[in-house]
Amino acid sequence: MPDFYAPKGVPDYVPPVSREFIAVREALQNAAIRAGYQPIELPIFEDTGLFARGVGESTDVVSKEMYTFADKGDRSVTLRPEGTAGVMRAVIEHGLDRGALPVKVYYSGPFFRYEQPQAGRYRQLQQVGIEAIGVDDPALDAEVIAVADEGFRSLGLKDFRLDITSLGDASERPAYREKLQAFLGKLPLDEATKTRAQLNPLRVLDDKRPQVREMLVDAPLMMDNLSTESSEHFEAVLAGLRSLKVPFVRNPRMVRGLDYYTKTTFEFVHPGLGAQSGIGGGGRYDGLMAELGGQALSGIGFGIGVDRTMLAARAEGLTVADPARVDVYGVPMGDAARAEMIRLAGELRAAGIRVDSAYGGKGVKASMKAANASGAAFTLVLGERELAEGTVVVREMESGNQEAILLTDVVASLKLALSQR
């Protein structure tokens, strides 16, 4: 038995699953890159106040789930639970909001929440996110959502659904909040739910308990209390999604777990994940930058779970990563052949070809077994006779066909053969 294990709720990604993880992450990032988003790298931990103020002290994230500790200077710092607040802090600190707008960035990496671990819900979760900051334009909302949709579809995913709603703006939320609180105040709710209704009544609408959901059937909805301006903004977003051929479902009861969302709010869900069906989501946050000490600029973004997207791909039976870890596998026989194979492997790698080779003096049978396990399209067999003739035997693994090729020609020959597969 090992002496040490990974912390509870923190997954390892080891080969071959790690190739799947990287493929999902890169597909999501590439969708952002194609839309003109630039990379941003954020600290793993920040001042605790950034998240308390930016995410909202009434949220479960801040009140229950953050990894917060005092550093050696007795400063309170927190492992980042989400990405938007950190991006906003960086944009303000480095003056990106003083240049061309919108600021369009993407990021990826680990985030941390102290939750009860279960399938697809980890204490160290992996996300890809984008933020478009500085312009309140429904077309930009549609673009952000379409980037996520494209990322999922580039992996071959088909069975996911986009839920979308509007949470209105800061001018209309207070009146709706009072109306919702008045409705909730008449219900026979338990004490914990009553407290939640006072802190953030919208959160009660997201209660999953059947008995509570039954009581909420006639609850007032934000979508029915939007101003003309917010309603027109939302309809323009939907028109943009139709233009971009992104299917959606209006979900007026959808609630996100962070307080900064305004207007457009959305979530991608996948039925193959069971109760934890969300694979990503986001929305507009018109007051967040000002709340964090910056200009009164709007923004919109999303966070997509790499872990959950992997599970969604598995639920659909998709192969998202190249099953072959190399293109070519070398099988040297003898010390002289081993030295030559090292040189040849270096030459092939320099030409952009993925190469591995048998090590440790394996026999031909064991080496060929390893070659087959590597997924290589071609195996190079090099022995004393081939060295004497200045050749190497190139075996195509799928057909079993093989031929001797001059060592001076093998790089060009393999590049051509691999390009035609």
Protein backbone atom coordinates (compact mmCIF):
# COMPACT_ATOMS: atom_id res chain seq x y z
CA MET A 1 0.00 0.00 0.00
CA PRO A 2 1.23 3.55 -0.73
CA ASP A 3 2.37 5.75 2.13
CA PHE A 4 0.55 8.76 0.67
CA TYR A 5 -2.62 9.41 -1.32
CA ALA A 6 -3.98 12.47 -3.12
CA PRO A 7 -6.14 14.68 -0.87
CA LYS A 8 -9.83 13.79 -0.78
CA GLY A 9 -11.67 15.27 -3.73
CA VAL A 10 -8.51 16.04 -5.70
CA PRO A 11 -8.23 13.88 -8.84
CA ASP A 12 -5.00 12.76 -10.47
CA TYR A 13 -4.88 12.62 -14.26
CA VAL A 14 -2.36 9.97 -15.26
CA PRO A 15 -1.75 8.36 -18.67
CA PRO A 16 -3.74 7.53 -20.70
CA VAL A 17 -6.54 9.62 -19.09
CA SER A 18 -4.23 12.64 -18.96
CA ARG A 19 -4.22 12.76 -22.78
CA GLU A 20 -8.02 12.95 -22.66
CA PHE A 21 -7.84 15.76 -20.12
CA ILE A 22 -5.42 17.78 -22.25
CA ALA A 23 -7.47 17.21 -25.41
CA VAL A 24 -10.63 18.55 -23.73
CA ARG A 25 -8.84 21.56 -22.27
CA GLU A 26 -7.18 22.44 -25.58
CA ALA A 27 -10.45 22.11 -27.53
CA LEU A 28 -12.16 24.55 -25.18
CA GLN A 29 -9.22 26.97 -25.30
CA ASN A 30 -8.93 26.78 -29.08
CA ALA A 31 -12.55 27.85 -29.48
CA ALA A 32 -11.69 31.00 -27.50
CA ILE A 33 -8.50 31.62 -29.47
CA ARG A 34 -10.43 31.46 -32.76
CA ALA A 35 -12.68 34.24 -31.45
CA GLY A 36 -9.75 36.54 -30.66
CA TYR A 37 -9.38 35.92 -26.92
CA GLN A 38 -5.88 36.25 -25.45
CA PRO A 39 -4.38 34.20 -22.60
CA ILE A 40 -4.20 35.50 -19.05
CA GLU A 41 -2.45 33.71 -16.17
CA LEU A 42 -3.86 34.33 -12.71
CA PRO A 43 -2.49 33.71 -9.20
CA ILE A 44 -3.61 30.50 -7.51
CA PHE A 45 -4.41 32.51 -4.34
CA GLU A 46 -5.62 36.07 -3.80
CA ASP A 47 -6.60 38.44 -1.01
CA THR A 48 -9.67 36.93 0.65
CA GLY A 49 -11.49 40.24 0.36
CA LEU A 50 -11.44 40.01 -3.43
CA PHE A 51 -13.74 37.00 -3.37
CA ALA A 52 -15.83 38.13 -0.39
CA ARG A 53 -16.64 41.38 -2.20
CA GLY A 54 -16.56 40.13 -5.78
CA VAL A 55 -18.37 36.79 -5.47
CA GLY A 56 -20.72 37.75 -2.63
CA GLU A 57 -20.58 36.97 1.07
CA SER A 58 -24.05 35.39 1.01
CA THR A 59 -23.04 32.77 -1.56
CA ASP A 60 -22.25 29.20 -0.56
CA VAL A 61 -18.89 29.63 -2.30
CA VAL A 62 -17.78 32.37 0.10
CA SER A 63 -19.65 31.33 3.24
CA LYS A 64 -18.94 27.58 3.13
CA GLU A 65 -16.56 26.45 0.40
CA MET A 66 -13.44 28.64 0.27
CA TYR A 67 -9.99 27.46 1.28
CA THR A 68 -8.92 30.46 3.37
CA PHE A 69 -5.82 30.74 5.54
CA ALA A 70 -3.42 33.29 7.03
CA ASP A 71 -0.01 33.51 5.39
CA LYS A 72 3.25 34.13 7.30
CA GLY A 73 2.55 37.85 7.23
CA ASP A 74 -0.82 37.18 8.89
CA ARG A 75 -2.65 38.25 5.72
CA SER A 76 -5.86 36.40 4.88
CA VAL A 77 -5.53 34.72 1.49
CA THR A 78 -7.80 32.28 -0.34
CA LEU A 79 -7.20 29.65 -2.98
CA ARG A 80 -9.17 30.92 -5.95
CA PRO A 81 -12.71 29.43 -6.06
CA GLU A 82 -13.53 30.96 -9.47
CA GLY A 83 -11.87 33.04 -12.16
CA THR A 84 -13.89 36.17 -12.90
CA ALA A 85 -12.99 38.17 -9.79
CA GLY A 86 -9.28 37.51 -10.34
CA VAL A 87 -9.52 38.56 -13.98
CA MET A 88 -11.28 41.77 -12.98
CA ARG A 89 -8.62 42.51 -10.37
CA ALA A 90 -5.86 41.99 -12.96
CA VAL A 91 -7.63 44.13 -15.57
CA ILE A 92 -8.00 47.00 -13.09
CA GLU A 93 -4.49 46.64 -11.65
CA HIS A 94 -2.76 46.60 -15.05
CA GLY A 95 -4.98 49.21 -16.70
CA LEU A 96 -6.27 46.96 -19.47
CA ASP A 97 -9.62 48.73 -19.17
CA ARG A 98 -7.88 51.94 -20.29
CA GLY A 99 -7.09 50.53 -23.72
CA ALA A 100 -9.13 49.08 -26.56
CA LEU A 101 -12.43 47.56 -25.47
CA PRO A 102 -13.67 44.96 -25.03
CA VAL A 103 -10.80 43.27 -23.21
CA LYS A 104 -11.08 39.63 -24.32
CA VAL A 105 -9.11 37.03 -22.34
CA TYR A 106 -9.20 33.31 -21.63
CA TYR A 107 -7.69 31.29 -18.79
CA SER A 108 -7.46 27.73 -17.56
CA GLY A 109 -6.28 25.89 -14.50
CA PRO A 110 -7.30 24.58 -11.08
CA PHE A 111 -9.87 26.20 -8.79
CA PHE A 112 -10.69 25.18 -5.24
CA ARG A 113 -13.93 24.66 -3.34
CA TYR A 114 -14.45 22.67 -0.17
CA GLU A 115 -17.40 20.57 -1.34
CA GLN A 116 -18.60 17.03 -0.75
CA PRO A 117 -16.68 15.11 -3.46
CA GLN A 118 -18.68 13.12 -6.00
CA ALA A 119 -18.47 12.26 -9.69
CA GLY A 120 -17.55 15.43 -11.56
CA ARG A 121 -17.62 17.56 -8.40
CA TYR A 122 -14.16 17.94 -6.90
CA ARG A 123 -12.42 20.09 -4.33
CA GLN A 124 -9.80 20.90 -6.95
CA LEU A 125 -11.76 21.47 -10.12
CA GLN A 126 -10.30 22.28 -13.51
CA GLN A 127 -11.82 25.03 -15.63
CA VAL A 128 -11.43 26.92 -18.88
CA GLY A 129 -12.96 30.38 -18.80
CA ILE A 130 -13.26 33.50 -20.92
CA GLU A 131 -14.14 37.10 -20.07
CA ALA A 132 -15.12 39.95 -22.42
CA ILE A 133 -14.95 43.22 -20.48
CA GLY A 134 -15.91 46.80 -21.24
CA VAL A 135 -18.80 46.65 -23.72
CA ASP A 136 -22.50 46.07 -23.04
CA ASP A 137 -23.54 44.65 -26.40
CA PRO A 138 -26.00 41.75 -26.83
CA ALA A 139 -23.93 40.57 -29.80
CA LEU A 140 -20.98 40.08 -27.43
CA ASP A 141 -23.17 38.02 -25.09
CA ALA A 142 -24.11 35.80 -28.03
CA GLU A 143 -20.45 35.46 -29.05
CA VAL A 144 -19.35 34.38 -25.57
CA ILE A 145 -22.06 31.72 -25.42
CA ALA A 146 -21.23 30.57 -28.96
CA VAL A 147 -17.56 30.11 -28.01
CA ALA A 148 -18.57 27.62 -25.31
CA ASP A 149 -20.97 25.88 -27.69
CA GLU A 150 -18.25 25.60 -30.34
CA GLY A 151 -15.80 24.18 -27.81
CA PHE A 152 -18.22 21.42 -26.84
CA ARG A 153 -19.12 20.61 -30.46
CA SER A 154 -15.47 20.50 -31.52
CA LEU A 155 -15.13 17.53 -29.16
CA GLY A 156 -18.08 15.82 -30.82
CA LEU A 157 -20.56 16.46 -28.00
CA LYS A 158 -24.19 16.55 -29.12
CA ASP A 159 -26.45 15.75 -26.16
CA PHE A 160 -25.91 18.91 -24.10
CA ARG A 161 -28.46 21.71 -23.68
CA LEU A 162 -28.07 25.47 -23.24
CA ASP A 163 -30.40 27.01 -20.64
CA ILE A 164 -30.60 30.79 -20.70
CA THR A 165 -32.42 33.55 -18.85
CA SER A 166 -32.10 37.20 -17.85
CA LEU A 167 -31.69 38.35 -14.25
CA GLY A 168 -32.34 42.00 -15.09
CA ASP A 169 -30.18 44.95 -14.07
CA ALA A 170 -29.42 46.65 -10.77
CA SER A 171 -32.32 49.10 -11.16
CA GLU A 172 -35.04 46.44 -11.39
CA ARG A 173 -33.66 43.74 -9.11
CA PRO A 174 -34.60 45.41 -5.77
CA ALA A 175 -38.33 45.58 -6.63
CA TYR A 176 -38.31 41.97 -7.77
CA ARG A 177 -36.39 40.92 -4.68
CA GLU A 178 -39.08 42.47 -2.46
CA LYS A 179 -41.83 40.75 -4.44
CA LEU A 180 -40.09 37.38 -4.20
CA GLN A 181 -39.35 37.78 -0.50
CA ALA A 182 -42.99 38.63 0.15
CA PHE A 183 -44.05 35.45 -1.66
CA LEU A 184 -41.50 33.31 0.21
CA GLY A 185 -42.49 34.84 3.53
CA LYS A 186 -45.93 33.24 3.24
CA LEU A 187 -44.54 29.72 2.72
CA PRO A 188 -43.98 27.15 5.51
CA LEU A 189 -40.21 27.00 4.89
CA ASP A 190 -37.69 25.52 7.33
CA GLU A 191 -35.53 27.97 9.27
CA ALA A 192 -32.41 27.51 7.11
CA THR A 193 -34.38 28.23 3.94
CA LYS A 194 -36.04 31.25 5.54
CA THR A 195 -32.58 32.62 6.35
CA ARG A 196 -31.49 32.02 2.77
CA ALA A 197 -34.59 33.84 1.53
CA GLN A 198 -33.58 36.90 3.53
CA LEU A 199 -29.97 36.88 2.33
CA ASN A 200 -30.57 35.96 -1.31
CA PRO A 201 -34.13 34.98 -2.21
CA LEU A 202 -33.14 34.01 -5.77
CA ARG A 203 -31.14 31.14 -4.32
CA VAL A 204 -34.33 29.58 -2.94
CA LEU A 205 -35.62 29.16 -6.50
CA ASP A 206 -32.73 26.78 -7.09
CA ASP A 207 -33.71 24.47 -4.20
CA LYS A 208 -33.73 20.88 -5.47
CA ARG A 209 -35.97 19.36 -2.77
CA PRO A 210 -39.31 18.22 -4.29
CA GLN A 211 -41.38 19.56 -1.39
CA VAL A 212 -39.83 23.02 -1.77
CA ARG A 213 -40.09 23.01 -5.56
CA GLU A 214 -43.80 22.23 -5.23
CA MET A 215 -44.27 25.32 -3.06
CA LEU A 216 -42.43 27.47 -5.62
CA VAL A 217 -44.65 26.68 -8.61
CA ASP A 218 -46.36 30.09 -8.45
CA ALA A 219 -43.29 32.08 -7.37
CA PRO A 220 -42.77 35.38 -9.24
CA LEU A 221 -40.02 35.13 -11.85
CA MET A 222 -37.47 37.76 -12.84
CA MET A 223 -38.25 37.21 -16.52
CA ASP A 224 -41.79 38.46 -15.88
CA ASN A 225 -40.49 41.58 -14.14
CA LEU A 226 -37.90 42.85 -16.62
CA SER A 227 -37.82 46.46 -17.76
CA THR A 228 -38.39 47.18 -21.44
CA GLU A 229 -34.65 47.83 -21.87
CA SER A 230 -33.61 44.53 -20.23
CA SER A 231 -36.24 42.60 -22.16
CA GLU A 232 -35.04 44.07 -25.47
CA HIS A 233 -31.43 43.29 -24.50
CA PHE A 234 -32.34 39.65 -23.81
CA GLU A 235 -34.27 39.26 -27.05
CA ALA A 236 -31.29 40.70 -28.95
CA VAL A 237 -29.04 38.06 -27.33
CA LEU A 238 -31.42 35.32 -28.42
CA ALA A 239 -31.48 36.73 -31.96
CA GLY A 240 -27.68 36.63 -31.97
CA LEU A 241 -27.71 32.99 -30.88
CA ARG A 242 -30.14 32.12 -33.66
CA SER A 243 -27.87 33.88 -36.16
CA LEU A 244 -24.91 31.85 -34.85
CA LYS A 245 -27.03 28.65 -34.99
CA VAL A 246 -26.68 28.02 -31.26
CA PRO A 247 -29.79 26.21 -29.95
CA PHE A 248 -31.11 27.27 -26.56
CA VAL A 249 -33.91 26.75 -24.06
CA ARG A 250 -35.41 29.64 -22.07
CA ASN A 251 -35.24 28.71 -18.40
CA PRO A 252 -36.75 31.49 -16.25
CA ARG A 253 -36.12 29.51 -13.04
CA MET A 254 -32.39 29.11 -13.57
CA VAL A 255 -30.19 30.47 -10.77
CA ARG A 256 -26.41 30.69 -10.79
CA GLY A 257 -24.37 30.29 -7.61
CA LEU A 258 -22.58 33.67 -7.75
CA ASP A 259 -24.04 37.05 -6.81
CA TYR A 260 -22.47 39.23 -9.51
CA TYR A 261 -24.61 38.06 -12.45
CA THR A 262 -26.94 40.54 -14.17
CA LYS A 263 -28.96 40.36 -17.39
CA THR A 264 -27.85 37.42 -19.56
CA THR A 265 -27.25 34.29 -17.49
CA PHE A 266 -26.74 30.80 -18.91
CA GLU A 267 -25.76 27.23 -18.15
CA PHE A 268 -24.84 24.23 -20.29
CA VAL A 269 -26.18 20.96 -18.93
CA HIS A 270 -25.68 17.35 -20.00
CA PRO A 271 -28.22 14.66 -19.05
CA GLY A 272 -25.53 11.97 -19.06
CA LEU A 273 -24.04 13.37 -15.84
CA GLY A 274 -27.00 12.67 -13.58
CA ALA A 275 -27.69 15.07 -10.71
CA GLN A 276 -24.48 17.06 -11.33
CA SER A 277 -25.52 17.86 -14.89
CA GLY A 278 -23.88 21.27 -15.31
CA ILE A 279 -20.82 21.31 -17.53
CA GLY A 280 -20.32 25.06 -17.68
CA GLY A 281 -22.05 28.39 -17.47
CA GLY A 282 -21.74 32.09 -16.92
CA GLY A 283 -23.34 35.43 -17.54
CA ARG A 284 -23.08 39.19 -17.58
CA TYR A 285 -21.80 41.09 -14.54
CA ASP A 286 -22.43 44.77 -15.08
CA GLY A 287 -21.53 46.04 -11.59
CA LEU A 288 -18.56 43.86 -10.70
CA MET A 289 -15.71 46.08 -11.89
CA ALA A 290 -17.02 49.10 -9.99
CA GLU A 291 -17.55 46.91 -6.91
CA LEU A 292 -13.85 45.98 -7.05
CA GLY A 293 -12.66 49.59 -7.32
CA GLY A 294 -12.50 49.99 -11.10
CA GLN A 295 -14.52 51.80 -13.73
CA ALA A 296 -18.25 51.17 -14.10
CA LEU A 297 -17.72 48.85 -17.05
CA SER A 298 -19.74 45.76 -17.87
CA GLY A 299 -18.48 42.30 -18.70
CA ILE A 300 -19.59 38.80 -19.59
CA GLY A 301 -17.88 35.44 -19.36
CA PHE A 302 -18.12 31.76 -18.57
CA GLY A 303 -16.37 28.95 -16.74
CA ILE A 304 -16.43 25.45 -18.20
CA GLY A 305 -15.56 22.39 -16.16
CA VAL A 306 -12.86 20.34 -17.88
CA ASP A 307 -13.57 17.45 -15.50
CA ARG A 308 -17.28 17.49 -16.24
CA THR A 309 -16.78 17.90 -19.98
CA MET A 310 -14.62 14.77 -19.91
CA LEU A 311 -17.45 12.89 -18.18
CA ALA A 312 -19.93 14.19 -20.76
CA ALA A 313 -17.70 12.94 -23.59
CA ARG A 314 -17.50 9.53 -21.94
CA ALA A 315 -21.28 9.47 -21.50
CA GLU A 316 -21.59 9.89 -25.28
CA GLY A 317 -18.91 7.27 -25.95
CA LEU A 318 -16.56 9.77 -27.58
CA THR A 319 -12.83 9.35 -28.10
CA VAL A 320 -11.51 12.87 -27.68
CA ALA A 321 -7.77 12.15 -27.56
CA ASP A 322 -5.45 10.49 -30.05
CA PRO A 323 -5.17 6.90 -28.75
CA ALA A 324 -1.64 6.71 -30.13
CA ARG A 325 0.96 8.30 -27.88
CA VAL A 326 3.65 8.15 -30.62
CA ASP A 327 3.83 7.84 -34.40
CA VAL A 328 6.96 5.71 -34.57
CA TYR A 329 8.47 3.13 -32.21
CA GLY A 330 12.10 2.02 -32.46
CA VAL A 331 13.20 -1.57 -31.86
CA PRO A 332 17.04 -1.74 -31.74
CA MET A 333 18.88 -5.06 -31.44
CA GLY A 334 22.36 -4.75 -29.99
CA ASP A 335 24.47 -1.94 -28.56
CA ALA A 336 25.49 -0.43 -31.90
CA ALA A 337 21.89 -0.45 -33.11
CA ARG A 338 20.77 1.17 -29.86
CA ALA A 339 23.23 4.03 -30.35
CA GLU A 340 22.05 4.55 -33.92
CA MET A 341 18.39 4.42 -32.88
CA ILE A 342 19.01 7.19 -30.33
CA ARG A 343 20.45 9.37 -33.12
CA LEU A 344 17.63 8.47 -35.52
CA ALA A 345 14.92 9.14 -32.91
CA GLY A 346 16.37 12.60 -32.31
CA GLU A 347 16.34 13.33 -36.04
CA LEU A 348 12.72 12.20 -36.36
CA ARG A 349 11.61 14.28 -33.37
CA ALA A 350 13.31 17.34 -34.85
CA ALA A 351 11.15 16.77 -37.93
CA GLY A 352 7.99 16.87 -35.80
CA ILE A 353 7.41 13.12 -35.54
CA ARG A 354 6.53 11.58 -32.17
CA VAL A 355 9.01 8.79 -31.40
CA ASP A 356 9.63 6.36 -28.58
CA SER A 357 12.02 3.41 -28.45
CA ALA A 358 12.61 0.20 -26.52
CA TYR A 359 14.97 0.61 -23.57
CA GLY A 360 16.58 -1.73 -21.08
CA GLY A 361 17.79 -4.35 -23.56
CA LYS A 362 14.34 -5.81 -24.29
CA GLY A 363 14.15 -8.72 -26.73
CA VAL A 364 12.38 -8.41 -30.07
CA LYS A 365 9.15 -10.01 -28.84
CA ALA A 366 8.84 -7.73 -25.79
CA SER A 367 9.84 -4.70 -27.86
CA MET A 368 7.19 -5.42 -30.51
CA LYS A 369 4.60 -5.84 -27.78
CA ALA A 370 5.58 -2.43 -26.40
CA ALA A 371 5.42 -0.97 -29.92
CA ASN A 372 1.89 -2.28 -30.34
CA ALA A 373 0.83 -0.84 -26.96
CA SER A 374 2.21 2.58 -27.92
CA GLY A 375 -0.24 2.90 -30.79
CA ALA A 376 2.58 3.73 -33.21
CA ALA A 377 1.70 3.62 -36.88
CA PHE A 378 5.20 2.42 -37.80
CA THR A 379 7.91 0.42 -36.08
CA LEU A 380 11.60 0.73 -36.96
CA VAL A 381 13.58 -2.47 -36.55
CA LEU A 382 17.35 -2.02 -36.55
CA GLY A 383 19.90 -4.82 -36.14
CA GLU A 384 23.49 -5.61 -37.14
CA ARG A 385 22.60 -6.54 -40.71
CA GLU A 386 20.62 -3.33 -41.26
CA LEU A 387 23.47 -1.28 -39.78
CA ALA A 388 25.93 -2.90 -42.15
CA GLU A 389 23.65 -2.12 -45.11
CA GLY A 390 22.82 1.42 -43.94
CA THR A 391 19.13 0.59 -43.78
CA VAL A 392 16.31 0.20 -41.26
CA VAL A 393 13.23 -2.02 -41.53
CA VAL A 394 10.02 0.06 -41.48
CA ARG A 395 6.99 -1.98 -40.48
CA GLU A 396 3.45 -0.64 -40.88
CA MET A 397 1.71 -1.90 -37.78
CA GLU A 398 -1.84 -2.06 -39.12
CA SER A 399 -1.10 -4.11 -42.26
CA GLY A 400 2.09 -5.83 -41.11
CA ASN A 401 3.80 -4.82 -44.36
CA GLN A 402 7.46 -3.93 -44.04
CA GLU A 403 10.37 -2.82 -46.18
CA ALA A 404 14.01 -1.83 -45.76
CA ILE A 405 14.68 1.88 -46.27
CA LEU A 406 18.00 3.69 -46.36
CA LEU A 407 18.78 5.42 -43.08
CA THR A 408 19.36 8.62 -45.03
CA ASP A 409 15.80 8.44 -46.45
CA VAL A 410 13.81 7.30 -43.42
CA VAL A 411 12.84 10.77 -42.11
CA ALA A 412 11.44 11.96 -45.44
CA SER A 413 9.78 8.60 -46.06
CA LEU A 414 8.01 8.54 -42.68
CA LYS A 415 6.92 12.17 -42.92
CA LEU A 416 5.26 11.40 -46.25
CA ALA A 417 3.68 8.18 -45.03
CA LEU A 418 2.30 9.82 -41.88
CA SER A 419 0.89 12.79 -43.85
CA GLN A 420 -1.11 10.38 -46.01
CA ARG A 421 -2.79 8.57 -43.10
